[in-house]
Amino acid sequence: MTDKVLTANRLTDGIAVWLDASGRWTERLQDALVARHPEAEASLETIGKRDFSDNLVVDVNVIEVEEVAGVIRPLRLRERIRAAGPTMDYAEGYAAADPAFIAA
């Protein structure tokens, strides 16, 4: 099984977020809870459905990741862009994405 994390967009501002081990949504992919077996993945899906129903997040997805040298990295380009931030200046406090993280 490929490692997976739960991602979504926060309903209040649309920012990409990931579920952490305490059940909170964080803006940092590196703080995400990594599911390493099917039961953990099922739990992530249940939490995602609950938080979507509670209007906390939208566009909830379980995504595949890999851990390289202690760094969590999404396998899909789309998710690397979401994790690293926009590819251009976006808004105050949100710098453009690191091209090395996206391109790898």
N, C-alpha and C. Protein backbone atom coordinates (compact mmCIF):
# COMPACT_ATOMS: atom_id res chain seq x y z
N MET A 1 0.85 -1.19 0.00
CA MET A 1 0.00 0.00 0.00
C MET A 1 0.88 1.24 0.00
N THR A 2 0.47 2.23 -0.76
CA THR A 2 1.15 3.53 -0.78
C THR A 2 0.70 4.33 0.43
N ASP A 3 1.63 5.07 1.04
CA ASP A 3 1.27 5.96 2.15
C ASP A 3 0.30 7.02 1.64
N LYS A 4 -0.61 7.43 2.54
CA LYS A 4 -1.63 8.40 2.14
C LYS A 4 -1.86 9.42 3.25
N VAL A 5 -2.33 10.60 2.85
CA VAL A 5 -2.74 11.66 3.79
C VAL A 5 -4.09 12.18 3.33
N LEU A 6 -4.77 12.88 4.23
CA LEU A 6 -6.07 13.47 3.92
C LEU A 6 -5.88 14.96 3.70
N THR A 7 -6.34 15.44 2.56
CA THR A 7 -6.24 16.85 2.23
C THR A 7 -7.62 17.40 1.91
N ALA A 8 -7.74 18.71 2.02
CA ALA A 8 -8.99 19.40 1.72
C ALA A 8 -8.67 20.88 1.54
N ASN A 9 -9.71 21.66 1.34
CA ASN A 9 -9.59 23.11 1.37
C ASN A 9 -10.46 23.62 2.50
N ARG A 10 -9.89 24.50 3.29
CA ARG A 10 -10.64 25.09 4.40
C ARG A 10 -11.78 25.92 3.83
N LEU A 11 -12.95 25.74 4.39
CA LEU A 11 -14.15 26.40 3.86
C LEU A 11 -14.09 27.91 4.01
N THR A 12 -13.48 28.40 5.08
CA THR A 12 -13.50 29.84 5.35
C THR A 12 -12.67 30.65 4.38
N ASP A 13 -11.56 30.08 3.85
CA ASP A 13 -10.70 30.88 2.98
C ASP A 13 -10.15 30.12 1.77
N GLY A 14 -10.47 28.83 1.65
CA GLY A 14 -10.04 28.06 0.49
C GLY A 14 -8.61 27.55 0.54
N ILE A 15 -7.88 27.83 1.61
CA ILE A 15 -6.49 27.41 1.72
C ILE A 15 -6.41 25.88 1.82
N ALA A 16 -5.42 25.27 1.16
CA ALA A 16 -5.20 23.83 1.23
C ALA A 16 -4.76 23.46 2.65
N VAL A 17 -5.36 22.39 3.16
CA VAL A 17 -5.05 21.91 4.52
C VAL A 17 -4.93 20.39 4.52
N TRP A 18 -4.27 19.87 5.57
CA TRP A 18 -4.08 18.43 5.73
C TRP A 18 -4.44 18.07 7.16
N LEU A 19 -4.96 16.88 7.34
CA LEU A 19 -5.35 16.42 8.67
C LEU A 19 -4.11 15.97 9.43
N ASP A 20 -3.95 16.47 10.68
CA ASP A 20 -2.81 16.05 11.48
C ASP A 20 -3.21 14.96 12.47
N ALA A 21 -2.26 14.48 13.24
CA ALA A 21 -2.49 13.35 14.14
C ALA A 21 -3.46 13.67 15.27
N SER A 22 -3.67 14.94 15.57
CA SER A 22 -4.61 15.31 16.62
C SER A 22 -6.02 15.53 16.08
N GLY A 23 -6.21 15.32 14.76
CA GLY A 23 -7.53 15.49 14.16
C GLY A 23 -7.83 16.91 13.75
N ARG A 24 -6.82 17.76 13.75
CA ARG A 24 -6.99 19.16 13.33
C ARG A 24 -6.50 19.33 11.91
N TRP A 25 -7.02 20.34 11.24
CA TRP A 25 -6.59 20.67 9.89
C TRP A 25 -5.44 21.66 9.99
N THR A 26 -4.33 21.35 9.33
CA THR A 26 -3.14 22.18 9.36
C THR A 26 -2.77 22.64 7.95
N GLU A 27 -2.14 23.79 7.85
CA GLU A 27 -1.69 24.31 6.56
C GLU A 27 -0.37 23.68 6.14
N ARG A 28 0.25 22.89 7.01
CA ARG A 28 1.56 22.30 6.74
C ARG A 28 1.46 20.81 6.41
N LEU A 29 1.76 20.46 5.19
CA LEU A 29 1.76 19.05 4.79
C LEU A 29 2.67 18.22 5.70
N GLN A 30 3.79 18.78 6.11
CA GLN A 30 4.74 18.02 6.92
C GLN A 30 4.18 17.64 8.29
N ASP A 31 3.10 18.26 8.71
CA ASP A 31 2.45 17.92 9.98
C ASP A 31 1.32 16.90 9.80
N ALA A 32 1.08 16.47 8.57
CA ALA A 32 -0.05 15.57 8.27
C ALA A 32 0.16 14.18 8.87
N LEU A 33 -0.95 13.58 9.25
CA LEU A 33 -0.97 12.19 9.68
C LEU A 33 -0.86 11.31 8.43
N VAL A 34 0.11 10.40 8.44
CA VAL A 34 0.33 9.52 7.29
C VAL A 34 -0.30 8.16 7.58
N ALA A 35 -1.23 7.75 6.71
CA ALA A 35 -1.86 6.43 6.82
C ALA A 35 -0.99 5.42 6.10
N ARG A 36 -0.61 4.36 6.82
CA ARG A 36 0.30 3.37 6.24
C ARG A 36 -0.35 2.00 6.07
N HIS A 37 -1.66 1.89 6.38
CA HIS A 37 -2.37 0.62 6.19
C HIS A 37 -3.84 0.93 5.88
N PRO A 38 -4.56 -0.03 5.31
CA PRO A 38 -5.94 0.22 4.85
C PRO A 38 -6.88 0.72 5.95
N GLU A 39 -6.73 0.23 7.17
CA GLU A 39 -7.62 0.68 8.27
C GLU A 39 -7.41 2.16 8.56
N ALA A 40 -6.17 2.60 8.52
CA ALA A 40 -5.88 4.02 8.75
C ALA A 40 -6.43 4.87 7.63
N GLU A 41 -6.33 4.39 6.39
CA GLU A 41 -6.90 5.12 5.26
C GLU A 41 -8.42 5.23 5.40
N ALA A 42 -9.08 4.16 5.81
CA ALA A 42 -10.54 4.19 6.02
C ALA A 42 -10.91 5.20 7.09
N SER A 43 -10.10 5.29 8.13
CA SER A 43 -10.34 6.27 9.19
C SER A 43 -10.22 7.69 8.65
N LEU A 44 -9.22 7.94 7.82
CA LEU A 44 -9.09 9.27 7.21
C LEU A 44 -10.32 9.61 6.39
N GLU A 45 -10.80 8.66 5.61
CA GLU A 45 -12.00 8.91 4.79
C GLU A 45 -13.21 9.24 5.65
N THR A 46 -13.36 8.55 6.77
CA THR A 46 -14.48 8.81 7.68
C THR A 46 -14.39 10.22 8.27
N ILE A 47 -13.21 10.60 8.70
CA ILE A 47 -13.01 11.94 9.26
C ILE A 47 -13.27 13.01 8.20
N GLY A 48 -12.80 12.77 6.98
CA GLY A 48 -13.03 13.72 5.89
C GLY A 48 -14.50 13.92 5.61
N LYS A 49 -15.26 12.84 5.57
CA LYS A 49 -16.71 12.94 5.34
C LYS A 49 -17.39 13.71 6.47
N ARG A 50 -16.97 13.43 7.70
CA ARG A 50 -17.56 14.13 8.86
C ARG A 50 -17.28 15.62 8.79
N ASP A 51 -16.02 16.00 8.54
CA ASP A 51 -15.67 17.42 8.53
C ASP A 51 -16.27 18.14 7.33
N PHE A 52 -16.45 17.44 6.22
CA PHE A 52 -17.16 18.02 5.08
C PHE A 52 -18.62 18.28 5.47
N SER A 53 -19.25 17.31 6.10
CA SER A 53 -20.65 17.45 6.54
C SER A 53 -20.82 18.56 7.56
N ASP A 54 -19.77 18.78 8.37
CA ASP A 54 -19.81 19.84 9.40
C ASP A 54 -19.40 21.20 8.83
N ASN A 55 -19.21 21.29 7.50
CA ASN A 55 -18.85 22.53 6.82
C ASN A 55 -17.54 23.13 7.30
N LEU A 56 -16.57 22.26 7.61
CA LEU A 56 -15.23 22.74 7.97
C LEU A 56 -14.32 22.81 6.75
N VAL A 57 -14.49 21.85 5.84
CA VAL A 57 -13.63 21.75 4.66
C VAL A 57 -14.45 21.32 3.45
N VAL A 58 -13.85 21.55 2.26
CA VAL A 58 -14.44 21.09 1.00
C VAL A 58 -13.35 20.40 0.19
N ASP A 59 -13.74 19.75 -0.88
CA ASP A 59 -12.81 19.07 -1.78
C ASP A 59 -11.89 18.12 -1.00
N VAL A 60 -12.48 17.27 -0.19
CA VAL A 60 -11.75 16.33 0.66
C VAL A 60 -11.26 15.15 -0.17
N ASN A 61 -9.96 14.84 -0.04
CA ASN A 61 -9.38 13.74 -0.80
C ASN A 61 -8.28 13.04 0.00
N VAL A 62 -8.23 11.73 -0.12
CA VAL A 62 -7.09 10.96 0.36
C VAL A 62 -6.11 10.90 -0.80
N ILE A 63 -4.87 11.35 -0.57
CA ILE A 63 -3.88 11.39 -1.65
C ILE A 63 -2.67 10.53 -1.31
N GLU A 64 -1.99 10.06 -2.34
CA GLU A 64 -0.80 9.25 -2.17
C GLU A 64 0.41 10.15 -1.95
N VAL A 65 1.25 9.74 -1.00
CA VAL A 65 2.48 10.47 -0.70
C VAL A 65 3.62 9.48 -0.54
N GLU A 66 4.82 10.02 -0.58
CA GLU A 66 6.01 9.25 -0.25
C GLU A 66 6.80 10.05 0.76
N GLU A 67 7.60 9.36 1.54
CA GLU A 67 8.46 10.05 2.49
C GLU A 67 9.90 9.84 2.05
N VAL A 68 10.58 10.94 1.75
CA VAL A 68 11.95 10.89 1.28
C VAL A 68 12.79 11.74 2.22
N ALA A 69 13.75 11.09 2.88
CA ALA A 69 14.64 11.78 3.83
C ALA A 69 13.83 12.55 4.88
N GLY A 70 12.73 11.94 5.33
CA GLY A 70 11.92 12.55 6.37
C GLY A 70 10.96 13.63 5.89
N VAL A 71 10.87 13.83 4.58
CA VAL A 71 9.98 14.85 4.01
C VAL A 71 8.83 14.17 3.29
N ILE A 72 7.60 14.55 3.66
CA ILE A 72 6.41 14.02 2.99
C ILE A 72 6.25 14.76 1.66
N ARG A 73 6.06 13.99 0.59
CA ARG A 73 5.94 14.58 -0.75
C ARG A 73 4.81 13.88 -1.50
N PRO A 74 3.81 14.65 -1.94
CA PRO A 74 2.73 14.05 -2.75
C PRO A 74 3.27 13.47 -4.05
N LEU A 75 2.66 12.38 -4.52
CA LEU A 75 3.09 11.77 -5.77
C LEU A 75 2.61 12.55 -6.99
N ARG A 76 1.41 13.12 -6.91
CA ARG A 76 0.84 13.85 -8.06
C ARG A 76 1.30 15.30 -8.08
N LEU A 77 1.58 15.81 -9.26
CA LEU A 77 2.01 17.19 -9.44
C LEU A 77 1.00 18.17 -8.84
N ARG A 78 -0.26 17.95 -9.10
CA ARG A 78 -1.31 18.85 -8.58
C ARG A 78 -1.19 19.00 -7.07
N GLU A 79 -0.97 17.89 -6.39
CA GLU A 79 -0.90 17.93 -4.93
C GLU A 79 0.40 18.55 -4.44
N ARG A 80 1.49 18.38 -5.20
CA ARG A 80 2.75 19.06 -4.82
C ARG A 80 2.58 20.56 -4.91
N ILE A 81 1.87 21.02 -5.94
CA ILE A 81 1.62 22.46 -6.08
C ILE A 81 0.76 22.95 -4.93
N ARG A 82 -0.30 22.21 -4.58
CA ARG A 82 -1.16 22.60 -3.46
C ARG A 82 -0.38 22.64 -2.15
N ALA A 83 0.55 21.68 -1.97
CA ALA A 83 1.33 21.60 -0.73
C ALA A 83 2.36 22.71 -0.62
N ALA A 84 2.97 23.07 -1.74
CA ALA A 84 4.05 24.05 -1.71
C ALA A 84 3.54 25.48 -1.80
N GLY A 85 2.29 25.64 -2.14
CA GLY A 85 1.75 26.98 -2.29
C GLY A 85 1.58 27.31 -3.76
N PRO A 86 1.03 28.45 -4.06
CA PRO A 86 0.77 28.81 -5.46
C PRO A 86 2.08 28.94 -6.23
N THR A 87 2.01 28.81 -7.54
CA THR A 87 3.19 28.93 -8.38
C THR A 87 3.50 30.39 -8.72
N MET A 88 2.74 31.29 -8.17
CA MET A 88 2.97 32.73 -8.37
C MET A 88 2.63 33.43 -7.06
N ASP A 89 3.01 34.70 -6.94
CA ASP A 89 2.62 35.45 -5.76
C ASP A 89 1.10 35.44 -5.66
N TYR A 90 0.60 35.17 -4.46
CA TYR A 90 -0.84 34.95 -4.30
C TYR A 90 -1.46 35.99 -3.39
N ALA A 91 -1.07 35.95 -2.14
CA ALA A 91 -1.63 36.87 -1.16
C ALA A 91 -0.59 37.06 -0.07
N GLU A 92 -0.72 38.10 0.67
CA GLU A 92 0.22 38.38 1.75
C GLU A 92 0.35 37.16 2.66
N GLY A 93 1.58 36.76 2.92
CA GLY A 93 1.83 35.62 3.79
C GLY A 93 1.92 34.30 3.05
N TYR A 94 1.69 34.29 1.74
CA TYR A 94 1.74 33.07 0.94
C TYR A 94 2.68 33.28 -0.24
N ALA A 95 3.93 32.85 -0.06
CA ALA A 95 4.94 33.02 -1.11
C ALA A 95 4.74 32.00 -2.22
N ALA A 96 5.36 32.26 -3.33
CA ALA A 96 5.29 31.32 -4.46
C ALA A 96 5.96 30.00 -4.07
N ALA A 97 5.53 28.92 -4.68
CA ALA A 97 6.00 27.57 -4.37
C ALA A 97 7.48 27.40 -4.70
N ASP A 98 8.13 26.48 -4.01
CA ASP A 98 9.51 26.11 -4.28
C ASP A 98 9.54 25.23 -5.53
N PRO A 99 10.12 25.71 -6.62
CA PRO A 99 10.11 24.92 -7.87
C PRO A 99 10.77 23.55 -7.72
N ALA A 100 11.77 23.42 -6.86
CA ALA A 100 12.45 22.14 -6.68
C ALA A 100 11.51 21.10 -6.07
N PHE A 101 10.65 21.52 -5.15
CA PHE A 101 9.69 20.60 -4.52
C PHE A 101 8.66 20.14 -5.54
N ILE A 102 8.22 21.04 -6.39
CA ILE A 102 7.19 20.72 -7.37
C ILE A 102 7.74 19.85 -8.49
N ALA A 103 8.93 20.14 -8.97
CA ALA A 103 9.47 19.47 -10.14
C ALA A 103 10.01 18.08 -9.86
N ALA A 104 10.37 17.81 -8.64
CA ALA A 104 11.02 16.52 -8.33
C ALA A 104 10.19 15.33 -8.72
